[in-house]
Amino acid sequence: MKVTVFGATGGVGRFVVHHLLADGHEVTAFVRSPGKMGDQQYAVEVVEAELSDTDAVARAVDGADAVITAYGPPIDPFLSDTPLTDGTRTIVKAMHAADVRRLVSLVTVSVPDPRDRPRLLDRLVPIGIGVLIPGALAEVQGIHEAVTTSDLDWTVARMFAPIDVPGGNPIRSGFLGVDPIGVEMARADVARFMVDQLTSTAYLHASPAISN
């Protein structure tokens, strides 16, 4: 499968690329700084550009079988613009134009899925984030809306607290208040879940919460 990855140099994105290559997929990485990929840049096709470059986004998506977006907003209390939301809309538009259907994206549990039955803590999380880093919350909400209101074959993974520990741990997935979802999750396992969705319809048109 030919897969285009946006956010390929991020904490989760680099593991997405690793798992895709290990599974034998062809990878196009859309990045601003190829040097941050290390040796991975020599194993993939690199498109070096900003998300605001609509022509570059279109080139990266053209010919792909699927797209994974693995970026997240900076933890900045003064963030006021929405480049990731705008970029996601550009990606969705490019996918429509290129007739690429499968999209797997990443956000946080700050956004709901209709199948959730949220507990008090689940309800408090987005409130706290909205107070502390409202710009980041707006970006996460915008990314989710751009994906879920498209008519693509989408899945959005929602995580609580990604951590830097070795992967290969059991992965829990489901909906808040319904399934036994924990809090922490290895970044490598977040990536593993996302890559696995490329060949699964279990969460088609759904936003499952995930954890170890």
Foldseek 3Di string as FASTA:
>chain_A
DEEEEEPCLDQLNVLLLVVCVVVPYAYEYEEQDLVSSPPSPVRHHYQHDALVPLVSLLVRQAPGQEYEYEDADDQDQPDDDARLLVSLLSNLVSCVVRVHFEYEYEAALLDFWPPAPADPVSVVVVVVCCVRRVNRSVNRVSNVCSVLVHPGFYEYEHAAAEDADDDPDDKDKDHHPPGPADHYAHSSVVSVVRSVVVPDSPAGSTYIYMHD
